[in-house]
Each structure stands twice: as C-alpha cells, then as structure tokens.
C-alpha atoms as a PDB file:
ATOM      1  CA  MET A   1       0.147   0.119   0.060  1.00  0.00           C
ATOM      2  CA  SER A   2       1.403   3.495  -1.020  1.00  0.00           C
ATOM      3  CA  ALA A   3       2.000   6.088   1.768  1.00  0.00           C
ATOM      4  CA  ARG A   4      -0.306   8.258  -0.095  1.00  0.00           C
ATOM      5  CA  HIS A   5      -3.257   5.745   0.087  1.00  0.00           C
ATOM      6  CA  ALA A   6      -2.383   4.861   3.764  1.00  0.00           C
ATOM      7  CA  ASP A   7      -2.949   8.507   4.818  1.00  0.00           C
ATOM      8  CA  THR A   8      -6.295   8.684   3.289  1.00  0.00           C
ATOM      9  CA  VAL A   9      -9.130   8.486   5.678  1.00  0.00           C
ATOM     10  CA  ARG A  10     -11.901   5.998   4.652  1.00  0.00           C
ATOM     11  CA  LEU A  11     -15.091   8.095   4.093  1.00  0.00           C
ATOM     12  CA  PRO A  12     -18.093   6.684   5.997  1.00  0.00           C
ATOM     13  CA  TRP A  13     -21.394   5.839   4.211  1.00  0.00           C
ATOM     14  CA  LEU A  14     -24.029   8.725   3.948  1.00  0.00           C
ATOM     15  CA  ASN A  15     -26.524   7.062   6.141  1.00  0.00           C
ATOM     16  CA  THR A  16     -24.136   6.719   9.005  1.00  0.00           C
ATOM     17  CA  LEU A  17     -23.536  10.508   8.940  1.00  0.00           C
ATOM     18  CA  VAL A  18     -27.350  10.955   8.931  1.00  0.00           C
ATOM     19  CA  ALA A  19     -27.727   8.660  12.016  1.00  0.00           C
ATOM     20  CA  PHE A  20     -24.995  10.399  13.720  1.00  0.00           C
ATOM     21  CA  GLU A  21     -26.438  13.918  13.157  1.00  0.00           C
ATOM     22  CA  ALA A  22     -29.913  12.973  14.160  1.00  0.00           C
ATOM     23  CA  ALA A  23     -28.591  11.283  17.513  1.00  0.00           C
ATOM     24  CA  SER A  24     -26.367  14.241  18.115  1.00  0.00           C
ATOM     25  CA  ARG A  25     -29.140  16.651  17.500  1.00  0.00           C
ATOM     26  CA  LEU A  26     -31.880  14.734  19.500  1.00  0.00           C
ATOM     27  CA  GLY A  27     -29.535  13.484  22.339  1.00  0.00           C
ATOM     28  CA  SER A  28     -31.170  10.083  22.038  1.00  0.00           C
ATOM     29  CA  LEU A  29     -30.911   6.949  20.060  1.00  0.00           C
ATOM     30  CA  THR A  30     -34.515   6.255  20.452  1.00  0.00           C
ATOM     31  CA  LEU A  31     -35.636   9.687  19.240  1.00  0.00           C
ATOM     32  CA  ALA A  32     -33.238   9.571  16.284  1.00  0.00           C
ATOM     33  CA  ALA A  33     -34.726   6.105  15.470  1.00  0.00           C
ATOM     34  CA  SER A  34     -38.307   7.389  15.480  1.00  0.00           C
ATOM     35  CA  GLU A  35     -37.191  10.388  13.066  1.00  0.00           C
ATOM     36  CA  LEU A  36     -35.366   8.161  10.800  1.00  0.00           C
ATOM     37  CA  ASN A  37     -38.093   5.429  10.941  1.00  0.00           C
ATOM     38  CA  LEU A  38     -35.505   2.790  12.045  1.00  0.00           C
ATOM     39  CA  THR A  39     -34.962   0.794  15.296  1.00  0.00           C
ATOM     40  CA  PRO A  40     -32.743   2.139  18.076  1.00  0.00           C
ATOM     41  CA  GLY A  41     -30.601  -0.885  17.361  1.00  0.00           C
ATOM     42  CA  ALA A  42     -30.070   0.061  13.776  1.00  0.00           C
ATOM     43  CA  VAL A  43     -29.207   3.520  14.710  1.00  0.00           C
ATOM     44  CA  SER A  44     -26.667   2.154  17.264  1.00  0.00           C
ATOM     45  CA  ARG A  45     -25.063   0.103  14.624  1.00  0.00           C
ATOM     46  CA  GLN A  46     -24.692   2.859  12.160  1.00  0.00           C
ATOM     47  CA  ILE A  47     -22.956   4.935  14.741  1.00  0.00           C
ATOM     48  CA  LYS A  48     -20.768   2.054  15.603  1.00  0.00           C
ATOM     49  CA  LEU A  49     -19.918   1.674  12.064  1.00  0.00           C
ATOM     50  CA  LEU A  50     -19.023   5.364  11.750  1.00  0.00           C
ATOM     51  CA  GLU A  51     -16.818   5.166  14.899  1.00  0.00           C
ATOM     52  CA  GLN A  52     -14.803   2.303  13.472  1.00  0.00           C
ATOM     53  CA  SER A  53     -14.513   3.896  10.117  1.00  0.00           C
ATOM     54  CA  LEU A  54     -13.013   6.943  11.620  1.00  0.00           C
ATOM     55  CA  ASP A  55     -11.310   5.059  14.454  1.00  0.00           C
ATOM     56  CA  VAL A  56     -12.548   7.485  17.071  1.00  0.00           C
ATOM     57  CA  THR A  57     -15.325   7.422  19.805  1.00  0.00           C
ATOM     58  CA  LEU A  58     -18.003   9.976  18.998  1.00  0.00           C
ATOM     59  CA  PHE A  59     -20.261   9.243  22.009  1.00  0.00           C
ATOM     60  CA  GLN A  60     -19.859   8.592  25.736  1.00  0.00           C
ATOM     61  CA  ARG A  61     -22.678   6.042  26.452  1.00  0.00           C
ATOM     62  CA  SER A  62     -24.453   5.253  29.737  1.00  0.00           C
ATOM     63  CA  HIS A  63     -27.449   3.154  30.384  1.00  0.00           C
ATOM     64  CA  ASN A  64     -30.085   5.723  29.341  1.00  0.00           C
ATOM     65  CA  ALA A  65     -28.204   8.467  27.676  1.00  0.00           C
ATOM     66  CA  ILE A  66     -25.659   9.408  25.084  1.00  0.00           C
ATOM     67  CA  GLU A  67     -23.265  12.513  25.286  1.00  0.00           C
ATOM     68  CA  LEU A  68     -20.939  13.678  22.514  1.00  0.00           C
ATOM     69  CA  THR A  69     -17.218  13.357  23.126  1.00  0.00           C
ATOM     70  CA  ASP A  70     -14.923  16.261  22.301  1.00  0.00           C
ATOM     71  CA  ALA A  71     -14.177  14.662  18.907  1.00  0.00           C
ATOM     72  CA  GLY A  72     -17.863  14.067  18.268  1.00  0.00           C
ATOM     73  CA  ARG A  73     -18.615  17.689  18.829  1.00  0.00           C
ATOM     74  CA  ALA A  74     -15.798  18.778  16.441  1.00  0.00           C
ATOM     75  CA  PHE A  75     -17.081  16.345  13.862  1.00  0.00           C
ATOM     76  CA  LEU A  76     -20.696  17.340  14.268  1.00  0.00           C
ATOM     77  CA  GLY A  77     -19.980  20.867  12.674  1.00  0.00           C
ATOM     78  CA  HIS A  78     -18.522  19.397   9.670  1.00  0.00           C
ATOM     79  CA  VAL A  79     -21.296  16.713   9.249  1.00  0.00           C
ATOM     80  CA  LYS A  80     -24.096  19.469   9.746  1.00  0.00           C
ATOM     81  CA  ASN A  81     -22.625  21.566   7.096  1.00  0.00           C
ATOM     82  CA  ALA A  82     -22.128  18.761   4.646  1.00  0.00           C
ATOM     83  CA  LEU A  83     -25.609  17.381   4.986  1.00  0.00           C
ATOM     84  CA  ALA A  84     -27.096  20.793   4.531  1.00  0.00           C
ATOM     85  CA  GLU A  85     -25.099  21.157   1.299  1.00  0.00           C
ATOM     86  CA  ILE A  86     -26.185  17.774   0.048  1.00  0.00           C
ATOM     87  CA  ARG A  87     -29.883  18.454   0.828  1.00  0.00           C
ATOM     88  CA  LYS A  88     -29.658  21.850  -0.867  1.00  0.00           C
ATOM     89  CA  GLY A  89     -28.116  20.226  -3.905  1.00  0.00           C
ATOM     90  CA  ALA A  90     -30.841  17.599  -3.928  1.00  0.00           C
ATOM     91  CA  ARG A  91     -33.537  20.294  -3.796  1.00  0.00           C
ATOM     92  CA  GLU A  92     -31.833  22.120  -6.660  1.00  0.00           C
ATOM     93  CA  VAL A  93     -31.690  19.264  -9.144  1.00  0.00           C
ATOM     94  CA  SER A  94     -35.066  17.722  -8.225  1.00  0.00           C
ATOM     95  CA  GLY A  95     -36.827  21.231  -8.396  1.00  0.00           C
ATOM     96  CA  GLN A  96     -38.342  20.914  -4.875  1.00  0.00           C
ATOM     97  CA  ALA A  97     -38.966  23.813  -2.686  1.00  0.00           C
ATOM     98  CA  ALA A  98     -36.735  24.139   0.264  1.00  0.00           C
ATOM     99  CA  LYS A  99     -38.456  23.218   3.590  1.00  0.00           C
ATOM    100  CA  LEU A 100     -37.566  24.905   6.874  1.00  0.00           C
ATOM    101  CA  THR A 101     -39.154  23.616  10.028  1.00  0.00           C
ATOM    102  CA  ILE A 102     -39.364  26.358  12.864  1.00  0.00           C
ATOM    103  CA  ARG A 103     -40.360  25.680  16.536  1.00  0.00           C
ATOM    104  CA  ALA A 104     -41.642  28.858  18.061  1.00  0.00           C
ATOM    105  CA  PRO A 105     -43.941  29.844  20.910  1.00  0.00           C
ATOM    106  CA  LEU A 106     -47.678  30.003  20.232  1.00  0.00           C
ATOM    107  CA  THR A 107     -48.380  33.651  20.897  1.00  0.00           C
ATOM    108  CA  LEU A 108     -45.351  34.794  18.831  1.00  0.00           C
ATOM    109  CA  THR A 109     -46.393  32.587  16.001  1.00  0.00           C
ATOM    110  CA  GLN A 110     -49.914  33.699  15.939  1.00  0.00           C
ATOM    111  CA  ARG A 111     -49.691  37.376  16.618  1.00  0.00           C
ATOM    112  CA  TRP A 112     -46.373  38.261  15.340  1.00  0.00           C
ATOM    113  CA  LEU A 113     -45.082  35.759  12.686  1.00  0.00           C
ATOM    114  CA  ILE A 114     -48.162  34.933  10.826  1.00  0.00           C
ATOM    115  CA  PRO A 115     -49.229  38.574  10.021  1.00  0.00           C
ATOM    116  CA  ARG A 116     -45.634  38.943   8.484  1.00  0.00           C
ATOM    117  CA  LEU A 117     -45.353  35.661   6.472  1.00  0.00           C
ATOM    118  CA  GLU A 118     -46.714  37.161   3.336  1.00  0.00           C
ATOM    119  CA  HIS A 119     -43.928  39.629   3.309  1.00  0.00           C
ATOM    120  CA  TYR A 120     -41.381  36.704   3.952  1.00  0.00           C
ATOM    121  CA  HIS A 121     -42.840  34.675   1.021  1.00  0.00           C
ATOM    122  CA  HIS A 122     -42.598  37.726  -1.348  1.00  0.00           C
ATOM    123  CA  ASP A 123     -38.810  37.759  -0.742  1.00  0.00           C
ATOM    124  CA  HIS A 124     -38.484  34.002  -0.448  1.00  0.00           C
ATOM    125  CA  PRO A 125     -40.912  32.208  -2.812  1.00  0.00           C
ATOM    126  CA  GLY A 126     -38.923  28.937  -3.018  1.00  0.00           C
ATOM    127  CA  VAL A 127     -39.248  28.035   0.775  1.00  0.00           C
ATOM    128  CA  ASP A 128     -41.958  26.096   2.395  1.00  0.00           C
ATOM    129  CA  LEU A 129     -42.255  26.893   6.023  1.00  0.00           C
ATOM    130  CA  ARG A 130     -43.445  24.430   8.770  1.00  0.00           C
ATOM    131  CA  PHE A 131     -44.250  25.594  12.299  1.00  0.00           C
ATOM    132  CA  ARG A 132     -44.261  23.787  15.497  1.00  0.00           C
ATOM    133  CA  THR A 133     -45.672  25.209  18.316  1.00  0.00           C
ATOM    134  CA  ILE A 134     -46.414  22.382  20.787  1.00  0.00           C
ATOM    135  CA  GLY A 135     -44.061  19.815  22.144  1.00  0.00           C
ATOM    136  CA  THR A 136     -43.310  17.252  19.349  1.00  0.00           C
ATOM    137  CA  ALA A 137     -39.768  16.208  20.472  1.00  0.00           C
ATOM    138  CA  GLY A 138     -38.408  13.632  17.900  1.00  0.00           C
ATOM    139  CA  SER A 139     -41.274  13.785  15.350  1.00  0.00           C
ATOM    140  CA  ASP A 140     -39.453  15.758  12.896  1.00  0.00           C
ATOM    141  CA  ARG A 141     -36.255  17.908  12.336  1.00  0.00           C
ATOM    142  CA  ILE A 142     -36.116  21.500  13.759  1.00  0.00           C
ATOM    143  CA  ASP A 143     -34.143  23.671  11.521  1.00  0.00           C
ATOM    144  CA  VAL A 144     -34.698  26.972  13.565  1.00  0.00           C
ATOM    145  CA  GLU A 145     -35.826  27.174  17.106  1.00  0.00           C
ATOM    146  CA  ILE A 146     -37.213  30.458  18.743  1.00  0.00           C
ATOM    147  CA  LYS A 147     -36.617  30.779  22.455  1.00  0.00           C
ATOM    148  CA  TYR A 148     -37.712  33.283  25.041  1.00  0.00           C
ATOM    149  CA  ALA A 149     -35.613  34.413  27.881  1.00  0.00           C
ATOM    150  CA  ARG A 150     -36.622  36.495  30.914  1.00  0.00           C
ATOM    151  CA  GLY A 151     -34.576  39.606  31.770  1.00  0.00           C
ATOM    152  CA  SER A 152     -32.635  42.211  29.906  1.00  0.00           C
ATOM    153  CA  PRO A 153     -30.919  41.125  26.601  1.00  0.00           C
ATOM    154  CA  PRO A 154     -28.678  39.650  25.832  1.00  0.00           C
ATOM    155  CA  ALA A 155     -29.366  36.668  28.014  1.00  0.00           C
ATOM    156  CA  THR A 156     -26.025  34.851  28.510  1.00  0.00           C
ATOM    157  CA  GLU A 157     -27.714  31.468  29.040  1.00  0.00           C
ATOM    158  CA  VAL A 158     -29.458  31.541  25.632  1.00  0.00           C
ATOM    159  CA  GLU A 159     -27.753  30.717  22.329  1.00  0.00           C
ATOM    160  CA  GLY A 160     -28.706  32.269  19.139  1.00  0.00           C
ATOM    161  CA  GLU A 161     -29.379  35.751  17.986  1.00  0.00           C
ATOM    162  CA  MET A 162     -32.069  38.183  19.755  1.00  0.00           C
ATOM    163  CA  PHE A 163     -34.501  39.625  17.298  1.00  0.00           C
ATOM    164  CA  LEU A 164     -37.477  40.698  19.274  1.00  0.00           C
ATOM    165  CA  ALA A 165     -37.678  42.559  22.745  1.00  0.00           C
ATOM    166  CA  ASP A 166     -40.712  41.735  25.058  1.00  0.00           C
ATOM    167  CA  ASN A 167     -42.048  45.190  26.062  1.00  0.00           C
ATOM    168  CA  THR A 168     -44.967  44.702  27.974  1.00  0.00           C
ATOM    169  CA  ALA A 169     -48.001  46.952  28.686  1.00  0.00           C
ATOM    170  CA  PRO A 170     -51.360  46.472  30.309  1.00  0.00           C
ATOM    171  CA  ILE A 171     -54.296  46.322  27.959  1.00  0.00           C
ATOM    172  CA  CYS A 172     -58.076  46.100  27.842  1.00  0.00           C
ATOM    173  CA  ARG A 173     -61.318  46.764  26.095  1.00  0.00           C
ATOM    174  CA  PRO A 174     -61.982  50.501  26.095  1.00  0.00           C
ATOM    175  CA  GLU A 175     -65.645  49.920  27.783  1.00  0.00           C
ATOM    176  CA  LEU A 176     -63.832  48.467  30.642  1.00  0.00           C
ATOM    177  CA  LEU A 177     -62.723  51.768  31.689  1.00  0.00           C
ATOM    178  CA  SER A 178     -66.077  53.437  31.978  1.00  0.00           C
ATOM    179  CA  ARG A 179     -66.260  52.686  35.646  1.00  0.00           C
ATOM    180  CA  LEU A 180     -62.849  54.349  36.207  1.00  0.00           C
ATOM    181  CA  GLY A 181     -63.270  57.631  34.265  1.00  0.00           C
ATOM    182  CA  ILE A 182     -59.770  59.178  33.477  1.00  0.00           C
ATOM    183  CA  LEU A 183     -57.086  56.916  34.680  1.00  0.00           C
ATOM    184  CA  THR A 184     -54.302  59.104  36.459  1.00  0.00           C
ATOM    185  CA  ASP A 185     -52.489  56.568  38.925  1.00  0.00           C
ATOM    186  CA  PRO A 186     -51.226  53.134  37.907  1.00  0.00           C
ATOM    187  CA  ILE A 187     -52.629  51.714  41.089  1.00  0.00           C
ATOM    188  CA  GLN A 188     -55.961  52.332  39.648  1.00  0.00           C
ATOM    189  CA  VAL A 189     -55.152  49.591  36.964  1.00  0.00           C
ATOM    190  CA  LEU A 190     -55.222  46.974  39.916  1.00  0.00           C
ATOM    191  CA  SER A 191     -58.755  47.737  40.739  1.00  0.00           C
ATOM    192  CA  LEU A 192     -59.783  46.162  37.432  1.00  0.00           C
ATOM    193  CA  PRO A 193     -60.135  42.359  36.970  1.00  0.00           C
ATOM    194  CA  ILE A 194     -56.478  41.228  36.353  1.00  0.00           C
ATOM    195  CA  LEU A 195     -55.755  38.539  33.734  1.00  0.00           C
ATOM    196  CA  GLN A 196     -52.445  36.717  34.343  1.00  0.00           C
ATOM    197  CA  ASP A 197     -50.598  34.675  31.798  1.00  0.00           C
ATOM    198  CA  THR A 198     -48.517  32.747  34.185  1.00  0.00           C
ATOM    199  CA  ALA A 199     -49.130  31.277  37.715  1.00  0.00           C
ATOM    200  CA  ASP A 200     -46.244  33.519  39.158  1.00  0.00           C
ATOM    201  CA  ALA A 201     -47.692  36.813  37.603  1.00  0.00           C
ATOM    202  CA  TRP A 202     -44.214  37.230  36.175  1.00  0.00           C
ATOM    203  CA  SER A 203     -45.319  40.177  33.845  1.00  0.00           C
ATOM    204  CA  TRP A 204     -47.716  41.798  36.252  1.00  0.00           C
ATOM    205  CA  ARG A 205     -45.051  41.877  38.985  1.00  0.00           C
ATOM    206  CA  GLN A 206     -42.398  43.266  36.537  1.00  0.00           C
ATOM    207  CA  TRP A 207     -44.834  46.029  35.317  1.00  0.00           C
ATOM    208  CA  CYS A 208     -45.779  46.835  38.911  1.00  0.00           C
ATOM    209  CA  LYS A 209     -42.231  47.140  39.726  1.00  0.00           C
ATOM    210  CA  GLY A 210     -41.624  49.535  36.844  1.00  0.00           C
ATOM    211  CA  ALA A 211     -44.604  51.521  37.959  1.00  0.00           C
ATOM    212  CA  ALA A 212     -43.205  51.613  41.603  1.00  0.00           C
ATOM    213  CA  ILE A 213     -46.466  50.038  43.135  1.00  0.00           C
ATOM    214  CA  PRO A 214     -46.969  46.679  44.687  1.00  0.00           C
ATOM    215  CA  PHE A 215     -48.685  43.841  42.853  1.00  0.00           C
ATOM    216  CA  GLU A 216     -51.845  43.610  44.998  1.00  0.00           C
ATOM    217  CA  PRO A 217     -55.023  43.205  42.867  1.00  0.00           C
ATOM    218  CA  LEU A 218     -58.045  44.905  44.415  1.00  0.00           C
ATOM    219  CA  GLY A 219     -60.635  42.951  42.528  1.00  0.00           C
ATOM    220  CA  ARG A 220     -61.016  39.446  41.015  1.00  0.00           C
ATOM    221  CA  SER A 221     -58.316  38.007  38.883  1.00  0.00           C
ATOM    222  CA  MET A 222     -57.941  34.940  36.311  1.00  0.00           C
ATOM    223  CA  VAL A 223     -54.931  32.865  35.729  1.00  0.00           C
ATOM    224  CA  PHE A 224     -53.972  31.362  32.480  1.00  0.00           C
ATOM    225  CA  ASP A 225     -51.067  29.383  31.312  1.00  0.00           C
ATOM    226  CA  THR A 226     -50.342  31.215  28.088  1.00  0.00           C
ATOM    227  CA  ASP A 227     -50.171  34.909  27.065  1.00  0.00           C
ATOM    228  CA  GLU A 228     -52.347  34.188  24.039  1.00  0.00           C
ATOM    229  CA  ALA A 229     -55.085  32.831  26.294  1.00  0.00           C
ATOM    230  CA  ALA A 230     -54.834  36.007  28.390  1.00  0.00           C
ATOM    231  CA  ILE A 231     -55.006  38.219  25.638  1.00  0.00           C
ATOM    232  CA  ASP A 232     -58.070  36.297  24.090  1.00  0.00           C
ATOM    233  CA  ALA A 233     -59.701  36.839  27.613  1.00  0.00           C
ATOM    234  CA  CYS A 234     -58.844  40.605  27.393  1.00  0.00           C
ATOM    235  CA  LEU A 235     -60.524  40.976  23.950  1.00  0.00           C
ATOM    236  CA  SER A 236     -63.609  39.234  25.493  1.00  0.00           C
ATOM    237  CA  GLY A 237     -63.783  41.962  27.924  1.00  0.00           C
ATOM    238  CA  LEU A 238     -62.940  39.937  30.946  1.00  0.00           C
ATOM    239  CA  GLY A 239     -60.292  42.194  32.323  1.00  0.00           C
ATOM    240  CA  VAL A 240     -56.745  43.683  31.947  1.00  0.00           C
ATOM    241  CA  ALA A 241     -53.988  41.678  30.452  1.00  0.00           C
ATOM    242  CA  GLN A 242     -50.276  42.179  30.063  1.00  0.00           C
ATOM    243  CA  ALA A 243     -48.908  41.813  26.469  1.00  0.00           C
ATOM    244  CA  ASN A 244     -45.994  42.389  24.316  1.00  0.00           C
ATOM    245  CA  THR A 245     -46.823  45.673  22.653  1.00  0.00           C
ATOM    246  CA  ALA A 246     -45.478  44.120  19.175  1.00  0.00           C
ATOM    247  CA  PHE A 247     -48.075  41.422  19.549  1.00  0.00           C
ATOM    248  CA  VAL A 248     -51.052  43.641  19.824  1.00  0.00           C
ATOM    249  CA  ASP A 249     -50.047  46.815  17.884  1.00  0.00           C
ATOM    250  CA  PRO A 250     -52.754  46.301  15.098  1.00  0.00           C
ATOM    251  CA  LEU A 251     -55.469  46.107  17.830  1.00  0.00           C
ATOM    252  CA  LEU A 252     -54.153  49.213  19.352  1.00  0.00           C
ATOM    253  CA  ARG A 253     -54.075  50.817  16.146  1.00  0.00           C
ATOM    254  CA  SER A 254     -57.586  49.740  15.457  1.00  0.00           C
ATOM    255  CA  GLY A 255     -58.999  50.942  18.633  1.00  0.00           C
ATOM    256  CA  SER A 256     -60.252  47.355  19.723  1.00  0.00           C
ATOM    257  CA  ILE A 257     -58.139  47.783  22.775  1.00  0.00           C
ATOM    258  CA  THR A 258     -56.552  50.468  24.951  1.00  0.00           C
ATOM    259  CA  ARG A 259     -52.974  50.774  26.379  1.00  0.00           C
ATOM    260  CA  LEU A 260     -53.209  51.778  30.061  1.00  0.00           C
ATOM    261  CA  CYS A 261     -50.360  54.008  31.505  1.00  0.00           C
ATOM    262  CA  PRO A 262     -48.235  54.385  28.171  1.00  0.00           C
ATOM    263  CA  GLN A 263     -45.694  56.309  30.169  1.00  0.00           C
ATOM    264  CA  ILE A 264     -44.600  53.248  31.941  1.00  0.00           C
ATOM    265  CA  GLU A 265     -42.099  51.255  29.726  1.00  0.00           C
ATOM    266  CA  VAL A 266     -41.168  47.720  31.156  1.00  0.00           C
ATOM    267  CA  LEU A 267     -38.804  45.284  29.328  1.00  0.00           C
ATOM    268  CA  LEU A 268     -39.658  41.579  30.337  1.00  0.00           C
ATOM    269  CA  GLY A 269     -37.364  39.598  28.108  1.00  0.00           C
ATOM    270  CA  ALA A 270     -36.543  38.897  24.598  1.00  0.00           C
ATOM    271  CA  TYR A 271     -36.885  36.203  21.736  1.00  0.00           C
ATOM    272  CA  TYR A 272     -33.836  34.605  20.332  1.00  0.00           C
ATOM    273  CA  ALA A 273     -33.334  32.459  17.055  1.00  0.00           C
ATOM    274  CA  VAL A 274     -31.295  29.327  17.361  1.00  0.00           C
ATOM    275  CA  VAL A 275     -30.202  27.698  14.127  1.00  0.00           C
ATOM    276  CA  HIS A 276     -30.160  23.792  14.500  1.00  0.00           C
ATOM    277  CA  THR A 277     -29.436  23.258  10.693  1.00  0.00           C
ATOM    278  CA  SER A 278     -26.994  25.617   9.334  1.00  0.00           C
ATOM    279  CA  GLY A 279     -27.246  26.718   5.777  1.00  0.00           C
ATOM    280  CA  ARG A 280     -28.479  29.634   3.461  1.00  0.00           C
ATOM    281  CA  VAL A 281     -32.282  29.081   4.047  1.00  0.00           C
ATOM    282  CA  ALA A 282     -31.960  29.085   7.825  1.00  0.00           C
ATOM    283  CA  ASP A 283     -29.650  31.890   7.891  1.00  0.00           C
ATOM    284  CA  ALA A 284     -31.758  34.051   5.657  1.00  0.00           C
ATOM    285  CA  PHE A 285     -34.853  33.205   7.952  1.00  0.00           C
ATOM    286  CA  VAL A 286     -32.961  34.416  10.943  1.00  0.00           C
ATOM    287  CA  ALA A 287     -31.930  37.618   9.057  1.00  0.00           C
ATOM    288  CA  TRP A 288     -35.418  38.279   8.066  1.00  0.00           C
ATOM    289  CA  LEU A 289     -36.654  37.834  11.815  1.00  0.00           C
ATOM    290  CA  LYS A 290     -33.972  40.487  12.826  1.00  0.00           C
ATOM    291  CA  SER A 291     -35.201  42.847  10.135  1.00  0.00           C
ATOM    292  CA  GLN A 292     -38.866  42.511  11.376  1.00  0.00           C
ATOM    293  CA  GLY A 293     -37.770  42.783  15.016  1.00  0.00           C
ATOM    294  CA  ARG A 294     -36.110  46.265  14.091  1.00  0.00           C
ATOM    295  CA  GLY A 295     -39.431  47.257  12.406  1.00  0.00           C
ATOM    296  CA  ALA A 296     -41.329  46.377  15.582  1.00  0.00           C
ATOM    297  CA  GLU A 297     -39.084  48.449  17.630  1.00  0.00           C
ATOM    298  CA  LEU A 298     -39.724  51.532  15.329  1.00  0.00           C
ATOM    299  CA  VAL A 299     -43.510  51.204  15.641  1.00  0.00           C
ATOM    300  CA  LYS A 300     -43.504  50.634  19.488  1.00  0.00           C
END
C-alpha cells in the first residue's frame, strides 16, 4: 500500500452520517430512530460503523443516555454543514422547494409571525415553512428554534440571535374603563379584573415594579397558562392583560383595545433564534426575523 493511500481516511457511508447527526441533535438513539423510521438498534449500529470507520469514539454511552465526546462535537459541525449542502443540492436538481421547520412559541407565531409571512414569501418564494408550536420532540427535524428568555437582553444562557424585545403593557377593552373615568394613577389599573398569563404573575409583577407599586390586585383575577389565552380573555372584555406591545399593535391601532399608562415602559425579556440546521435558508430566515424585529421596535 502506498504512503499516499495509507494516509487517506476512509469516508463513511452517508446513512451513518445521517444517523450520527440525528442522534447528536436529539440526544437520544430512540428519538433518532423514531425520526429516521429505524429501530434504536439500527441507529446504534450505524454510529458504531461510523466510529470504526473514523477510528474514534463519538459518543460516551451510559445506561439511558448518550453524550458527545470532544471529537464528536468537533465532527458534528462538519457533518451538519455537509448534509445541509447535500440537501440543498438535492432540492436544486429535483426542483423541489426548500423546507424550513421552525419551533416557536404559540403567541409569537399567531400574533407576530403569521401577519408577516406574506412579506417573507414575497422575498423567499422557493421556501416552504413548517411551524411547530407544541411539544413534538423527535417527530421531525427542527431547523430554527425560537426561544424566550426573561430579563434584559442579551441573556447569556440562551444561544442564538436576539431579534425581538418583549416590551409589556397593560391592555383592555375601552368599555372596561368606563367605571374609572380618567385613569391618572397606575394603582387604579389593579382595581380592574386582572388577567395573568403565568401562575407566578411574572409580567404583572415586573410591570408593577416599573410603576413603583406593589402587585396587589384589588378585585378579581383569572390565571391562564399562556399569554395568548390572557389576550383572548382581554378581547372578550374579561379584564386587563399584560401583552407584548409588538403582538397587539394592530389591535391598538384599530382601537379594539386600549393601552393603559403608556408612560410606563417595562422590558420583560426577549426572543432569540437558534439555528439547528445551518445553511443559506435558515440563515436567511434569521436575518428576516431580525429585520422584522427592528421594524417592531420602530412602531412601539
């Protein structure tokens, strides 16, 4: 055997790379098997074959878990880029539209993303978007994940790029204010029925902190587990909700709801885009998110 041939790394089969990428992304052989429509044993054998081909250990294995080694983490970056290029080439020669799967919070999707998607498709007509707003771990590949973090951005514990601030404000139907007349003191807001979007009343407590008043509702309150439900209850006239001003801007402009105490500005947190499948399509979507986020800041 020549020295040149002896120094050549034997390239692994493509399906071993696909199995490795899926297991790395999902952190589970079982979930990878479900995504690839294989058995966990078949995925394990593919990864073993890949390790033997490279003569390196890619995963540390325990009874119920797998964890990438340093070599596995280093190799994963190359594999993700290579698979993204292969998938891109396959779409180009087959004439198929690119597909981008996005996991995002429900309210962000319904009240901020959906009204802007016509603009996105105008600039990116060859991309089919798939949204996941509920927990479907392992059911399909997530290309871009949108995460929320409390506190002033940037949140150091969140990977990805920040694209939208969560500026909150109390909102209600105009007719709900008829009993108060002119609202001059923030504490008057707490005399109205309070609609919470979390059990710990995070948004209300932060707004009251910004208004320099204690969070002590003076009337009845209702607790929901999503901000979308709280906003819907507000639109039904049930009380006052806290909402991201970017989410309800069209309703404020139409007069359907009223923003209370607009002089009080409170930042609750921010939304971040994390790319799991790197490539031109995912990067372009994140760039579009950032451009739309800047627009939202301008109209706040």
